[in-house]
Amino acid sequence: MGLGHAVWCARKFIGDEPFAVLLGDDIVQNEKPCIQQLAEQYEKTGCSAIGVQRVPYEQTQRYGIIDPESQNGRLYNVKQFVEKPKENPPSNLAIIGRYVLTPEIFDFLDKQELGAGGEIQLTDAIQKVNELQGVYAYEFEGKRYDVGETLGFVLTNIEMALKNKELQQDVLAGIHQILQTMKLPLA
């Protein structure tokens, strides 16, 4: 049914308070958590704040993309939110699975029609809130790991295991053994 539908299902638990949405297919590591950075932007502006990060232009069709109107440091006033543009993306600032939203989003999710992929898209409802009261995008600080696709998932697990001092040597030995067994070169 889509991310918009999943958020809509939580409406009775949220009530009239701002709330955070964190998608599990992205991991963000930073001394100051990404969601804390967004909450601080909400406190400053009183509006929803969406986490964004630059992606290569050839990957923009995989993400919701913002069309920035103006910028103040890492904070963007957004002209438009576009869900998975097939061509001519307005920027390469992608929505990366971290949101602080106001409860007004539910008014639009209640009536939201199917969007990209035949799903109820959260990005489409965010655009409608943006037209009503403004929604900001914040280019958060931190390293993002995309675990929503196979290669990113595998590489993230390897990197996290190698950063763990208790696992590091065993993981390296295991990788070395796999390479030898498969007769693959150490490159």
Protein backbone atom coordinates (compact mmCIF):
# COMPACT_ATOMS: atom_id res chain seq x y z
CA MET A 1 0.00 0.00 0.00
CA GLY A 2 2.98 2.34 0.38
CA LEU A 3 4.80 4.32 3.03
CA GLY A 4 1.99 6.87 3.18
CA HIS A 5 -0.45 4.15 4.18
CA ALA A 6 1.93 2.81 6.85
CA VAL A 7 2.25 6.28 8.41
CA TRP A 8 -1.51 6.82 8.15
CA CYS A 9 -2.08 3.59 10.14
CA ALA A 10 -0.22 5.15 13.10
CA ARG A 11 -2.45 8.25 13.28
CA LYS A 12 -4.44 7.12 16.36
CA PHE A 13 -1.24 6.64 18.35
CA ILE A 14 0.24 9.99 17.33
CA GLY A 15 -2.72 12.29 17.89
CA ASP A 16 -1.96 16.00 17.51
CA GLU A 17 1.78 15.87 18.18
CA PRO A 18 4.71 16.12 15.79
CA PHE A 19 6.32 12.72 15.26
CA ALA A 20 9.37 11.05 13.76
CA VAL A 21 9.50 8.48 10.98
CA LEU A 22 12.69 6.43 10.59
CA LEU A 23 12.88 3.94 7.74
CA GLY A 24 14.82 0.77 8.39
CA ASP A 25 16.46 0.57 4.97
CA ASP A 26 18.79 3.44 5.86
CA ILE A 27 21.25 3.54 8.74
CA VAL A 28 22.76 6.92 9.57
CA GLN A 29 25.77 7.17 11.88
CA ASN A 30 26.82 10.46 13.39
CA GLU A 31 27.74 11.79 16.83
CA LYS A 32 24.48 13.76 16.77
CA PRO A 33 21.75 11.40 15.51
CA CYS A 34 20.05 12.40 12.27
CA ILE A 35 16.61 12.50 13.87
CA GLN A 36 17.93 14.86 16.57
CA GLN A 37 19.22 17.17 13.83
CA LEU A 38 15.76 17.16 12.23
CA ALA A 39 13.99 17.72 15.56
CA GLU A 40 16.18 20.79 16.10
CA GLN A 41 15.12 22.14 12.70
CA TYR A 42 11.47 21.51 13.59
CA GLU A 43 11.99 23.46 16.84
CA LYS A 44 13.49 26.39 14.89
CA THR A 45 10.87 26.50 12.13
CA GLY A 46 7.72 24.95 13.61
CA CYS A 47 7.37 23.01 10.35
CA SER A 48 8.01 19.45 9.24
CA ALA A 49 11.66 18.67 8.54
CA ILE A 50 12.79 16.03 6.06
CA GLY A 51 16.29 14.52 5.99
CA VAL A 52 18.05 14.80 2.63
CA GLN A 53 21.42 13.83 1.24
CA ARG A 54 23.01 14.23 -2.18
CA VAL A 55 22.99 11.16 -4.40
CA PRO A 56 24.43 10.68 -7.90
CA TYR A 57 22.01 12.03 -10.53
CA GLU A 58 21.76 8.60 -12.14
CA GLN A 59 20.24 7.28 -8.88
CA THR A 60 17.60 10.01 -8.40
CA GLN A 61 14.81 7.84 -9.87
CA ARG A 62 15.14 5.63 -6.76
CA TYR A 63 14.24 8.42 -4.31
CA GLY A 64 11.93 11.25 -3.49
CA ILE A 65 13.82 14.36 -4.65
CA ILE A 66 13.46 17.96 -3.50
CA ASP A 67 13.30 21.04 -5.70
CA PRO A 68 14.96 23.61 -3.43
CA GLU A 69 13.72 27.19 -3.53
CA SER A 70 16.27 28.74 -1.18
CA GLN A 71 18.95 27.63 1.24
CA ASN A 72 20.20 28.73 4.66
CA GLY A 73 23.22 26.59 5.47
CA ARG A 74 21.99 22.99 5.44
CA LEU A 75 18.31 23.99 5.64
CA TYR A 76 16.31 24.20 2.40
CA ASN A 77 13.02 25.91 1.74
CA VAL A 78 11.42 23.46 -0.70
CA LYS A 79 9.45 24.46 -3.77
CA GLN A 80 8.41 20.91 -4.56
CA PHE A 81 8.85 17.29 -3.47
CA VAL A 82 8.96 14.85 -6.41
CA GLU A 83 8.59 11.09 -5.84
CA LYS A 84 11.05 9.02 -7.91
CA PRO A 85 11.36 11.29 -10.97
CA LYS A 86 11.84 9.24 -14.13
CA GLU A 87 13.66 12.09 -15.91
CA ASN A 88 14.85 15.66 -15.32
CA PRO A 89 15.13 15.56 -11.52
CA PRO A 90 15.01 19.07 -10.02
CA SER A 91 18.14 18.34 -7.92
CA ASN A 92 20.12 15.43 -6.54
CA LEU A 93 18.98 16.06 -2.96
CA ALA A 94 17.25 12.81 -2.05
CA ILE A 95 14.84 12.16 0.81
CA ILE A 96 16.66 9.63 3.00
CA GLY A 97 14.23 7.86 5.31
CA ARG A 98 14.25 10.35 8.21
CA TYR A 99 11.31 12.66 8.87
CA VAL A 100 9.90 14.87 11.62
CA LEU A 101 6.31 15.50 10.56
CA THR A 102 3.43 17.55 11.87
CA PRO A 103 0.06 15.83 12.35
CA GLU A 104 -1.42 17.83 9.44
CA ILE A 105 0.02 15.13 7.20
CA PHE A 106 -2.89 12.87 8.21
CA ASP A 107 -5.44 15.26 6.65
CA PHE A 108 -3.79 14.62 3.29
CA LEU A 109 -3.06 10.92 3.78
CA ASP A 110 -6.79 10.42 4.49
CA LYS A 111 -7.55 11.51 0.90
CA GLN A 112 -4.31 10.53 -0.83
CA GLU A 113 -4.65 8.88 -4.22
CA LEU A 114 -2.25 6.23 -5.44
CA GLY A 115 1.03 7.65 -6.70
CA ALA A 116 4.31 6.25 -8.03
CA GLY A 117 4.33 2.46 -8.14
CA GLY A 118 0.56 2.35 -7.53
CA GLU A 119 1.14 3.09 -3.82
CA ILE A 120 0.06 5.78 -1.37
CA GLN A 121 3.22 7.88 -1.36
CA LEU A 122 4.21 9.82 1.74
CA THR A 123 6.11 12.24 -0.50
CA ASP A 124 2.89 13.23 -2.29
CA ALA A 125 1.20 14.07 1.03
CA ILE A 126 4.32 15.98 2.17
CA GLN A 127 4.06 18.09 -0.98
CA LYS A 128 0.47 18.99 -0.08
CA VAL A 129 1.51 19.99 3.46
CA ASN A 130 4.31 22.02 1.89
CA GLU A 131 1.78 23.97 -0.19
CA LEU A 132 -0.27 24.68 2.95
CA GLN A 133 2.31 25.55 5.62
CA GLY A 134 5.80 24.83 4.33
CA VAL A 135 8.04 21.83 4.84
CA TYR A 136 11.80 22.12 5.14
CA ALA A 137 14.52 19.77 3.99
CA TYR A 138 17.70 19.46 6.03
CA GLU A 139 20.95 18.10 4.61
CA PHE A 140 21.90 16.12 7.69
CA GLU A 141 25.40 15.33 8.86
CA GLY A 142 26.42 11.71 9.06
CA LYS A 143 27.36 8.66 7.09
CA ARG A 144 24.43 6.90 5.49
CA TYR A 145 24.35 3.19 4.82
CA ASP A 146 21.75 1.98 2.30
CA VAL A 147 20.71 -1.46 3.51
CA GLY A 148 17.59 -1.49 1.36
CA GLU A 149 19.41 -3.00 -1.60
CA THR A 150 21.50 -6.16 -1.63
CA LEU A 151 25.00 -4.80 -2.22
CA GLY A 152 24.55 -2.00 0.32
CA PHE A 153 23.27 -4.50 2.87
CA VAL A 154 26.25 -6.82 2.39
CA LEU A 155 28.87 -4.05 2.40
CA THR A 156 27.33 -2.38 5.46
CA ASN A 157 27.43 -5.64 7.41
CA ILE A 158 31.06 -6.23 6.45
CA GLU A 159 32.04 -2.67 7.40
CA MET A 160 30.20 -2.80 10.72
CA ALA A 161 31.76 -6.18 11.54
CA LEU A 162 35.24 -4.90 10.67
CA LYS A 163 34.73 -1.86 12.94
CA ASN A 164 33.92 -4.20 15.84
CA LYS A 165 37.22 -5.06 17.55
CA GLU A 166 35.79 -8.34 18.90
CA LEU A 167 34.79 -9.51 15.41
CA GLN A 168 37.40 -7.90 13.20
CA GLN A 169 40.03 -10.66 13.06
CA ASP A 170 37.49 -13.47 12.73
CA VAL A 171 35.68 -11.64 9.93
CA LEU A 172 38.93 -10.99 8.06
CA ALA A 173 39.90 -14.65 8.45
CA GLY A 174 36.46 -15.73 7.26
CA ILE A 175 36.63 -13.49 4.19
CA HIS A 176 40.13 -14.75 3.41
CA GLN A 177 38.93 -18.37 3.70
CA ILE A 178 35.95 -17.70 1.42
CA LEU A 179 38.22 -16.10 -1.19
CA GLN A 180 40.61 -19.07 -1.07
CA THR A 181 37.80 -21.65 -1.23
CA MET A 182 36.26 -19.89 -4.22
CA LYS A 183 39.72 -19.37 -5.74
CA LEU A 184 39.14 -15.63 -5.98
CA PRO A 185 42.10 -13.24 -5.88
CA LEU A 186 42.63 -10.85 -2.97
CA ALA A 187 42.18 -7.57 -4.78
